[in-house]
Amino acid sequence: MSFFISPAFADAAAPAAGPAGSGFEWIFLVGFLVIFYLMIWRPQAKRAKEQKNLLGNL
């Protein structure tokens, strides 16, 4: 028994994205980047700055 999807079924399952779908993808990408910045990048930069100040004061 084969567990691979035949190429004919794979092509039929993926409809082409229209112009409206493309805009949603960009909004999703920008939203993801904003969340990444707010939750990961910014707090890490703040911790690094605090650590640099702490080591500078020693």
C-alpha atoms as a PDB file:
ATOM      1  CA  MET A   1       0.000   0.000   0.000  1.00  0.00           C
ATOM      2  CA  SER A   2       1.375   3.389  -0.965  1.00  0.00           C
ATOM      3  CA  PHE A   3       1.107   6.356   1.382  1.00  0.00           C
ATOM      4  CA  PHE A   4       2.108   8.896  -1.238  1.00  0.00           C
ATOM      5  CA  ILE A   5      -0.463  11.228  -2.761  1.00  0.00           C
ATOM      6  CA  SER A   6      -0.695  10.902  -6.488  1.00  0.00           C
ATOM      7  CA  PRO A   7       0.218  14.101  -8.387  1.00  0.00           C
ATOM      8  CA  ALA A   8      -3.240  14.176  -9.983  1.00  0.00           C
ATOM      9  CA  PHE A   9      -4.943  14.450  -6.585  1.00  0.00           C
ATOM     10  CA  ALA A  10      -2.421  16.976  -5.297  1.00  0.00           C
ATOM     11  CA  ASP A  11      -3.034  19.325  -8.235  1.00  0.00           C
ATOM     12  CA  ALA A  12      -6.808  19.102  -7.913  1.00  0.00           C
ATOM     13  CA  ALA A  13      -6.790  19.950  -4.200  1.00  0.00           C
ATOM     14  CA  ALA A  14      -4.960  23.301  -4.510  1.00  0.00           C
ATOM     15  CA  PRO A  15      -7.017  26.047  -6.177  1.00  0.00           C
ATOM     16  CA  ALA A  16      -5.161  29.007  -7.620  1.00  0.00           C
ATOM     17  CA  ALA A  17      -5.067  32.094  -5.401  1.00  0.00           C
ATOM     18  CA  GLY A  18      -6.802  35.101  -6.857  1.00  0.00           C
ATOM     19  CA  PRO A  19      -5.862  38.754  -6.411  1.00  0.00           C
ATOM     20  CA  ALA A  20      -7.916  39.048  -3.208  1.00  0.00           C
ATOM     21  CA  GLY A  21      -6.146  36.081  -1.589  1.00  0.00           C
ATOM     22  CA  SER A  22      -2.763  37.641  -2.204  1.00  0.00           C
ATOM     23  CA  GLY A  23      -3.618  40.719  -0.126  1.00  0.00           C
ATOM     24  CA  PHE A  24      -4.703  38.573   2.800  1.00  0.00           C
ATOM     25  CA  GLU A  25      -1.377  36.738   2.703  1.00  0.00           C
ATOM     26  CA  TRP A  26       0.518  40.043   2.988  1.00  0.00           C
ATOM     27  CA  ILE A  27      -1.657  41.181   5.902  1.00  0.00           C
ATOM     28  CA  PHE A  28      -1.051  37.845   7.635  1.00  0.00           C
ATOM     29  CA  LEU A  29       2.711  38.123   7.086  1.00  0.00           C
ATOM     30  CA  VAL A  30       2.886  41.698   8.415  1.00  0.00           C
ATOM     31  CA  GLY A  31       0.770  40.741  11.426  1.00  0.00           C
ATOM     32  CA  PHE A  32       3.065  37.818  12.154  1.00  0.00           C
ATOM     33  CA  LEU A  33       6.127  40.069  11.975  1.00  0.00           C
ATOM     34  CA  VAL A  34       4.556  42.610  14.353  1.00  0.00           C
ATOM     35  CA  ILE A  35       3.744  39.877  16.870  1.00  0.00           C
ATOM     36  CA  PHE A  36       7.283  38.485  16.515  1.00  0.00           C
ATOM     37  CA  TYR A  37       8.741  41.940  17.199  1.00  0.00           C
ATOM     38  CA  LEU A  38       6.555  42.634  20.223  1.00  0.00           C
ATOM     39  CA  MET A  39       6.879  39.222  21.861  1.00  0.00           C
ATOM     40  CA  ILE A  40      10.463  38.185  21.059  1.00  0.00           C
ATOM     41  CA  TRP A  41      12.728  40.849  19.587  1.00  0.00           C
ATOM     42  CA  ARG A  42      11.823  43.819  21.800  1.00  0.00           C
ATOM     43  CA  PRO A  43      11.988  42.024  25.185  1.00  0.00           C
ATOM     44  CA  GLN A  44      15.289  40.387  24.220  1.00  0.00           C
ATOM     45  CA  ALA A  45      16.785  43.760  23.248  1.00  0.00           C
ATOM     46  CA  LYS A  46      15.595  45.198  26.572  1.00  0.00           C
ATOM     47  CA  ARG A  47      17.225  42.337  28.508  1.00  0.00           C
ATOM     48  CA  ALA A  48      20.472  42.758  26.570  1.00  0.00           C
ATOM     49  CA  LYS A  49      20.500  46.504  27.302  1.00  0.00           C
ATOM     50  CA  GLU A  50      19.900  45.903  31.014  1.00  0.00           C
ATOM     51  CA  GLN A  51      22.665  43.292  31.117  1.00  0.00           C
ATOM     52  CA  LYS A  52      25.063  45.653  29.340  1.00  0.00           C
ATOM     53  CA  ASN A  53      24.278  48.421  31.853  1.00  0.00           C
ATOM     54  CA  LEU A  54      24.717  46.008  34.765  1.00  0.00           C
ATOM     55  CA  LEU A  55      28.112  44.833  33.522  1.00  0.00           C
ATOM     56  CA  GLY A  56      29.154  48.422  32.833  1.00  0.00           C
ATOM     57  CA  ASN A  57      28.370  49.429  36.414  1.00  0.00           C
ATOM     58  CA  LEU A  58      30.525  46.683  37.905  1.00  0.00           C
END
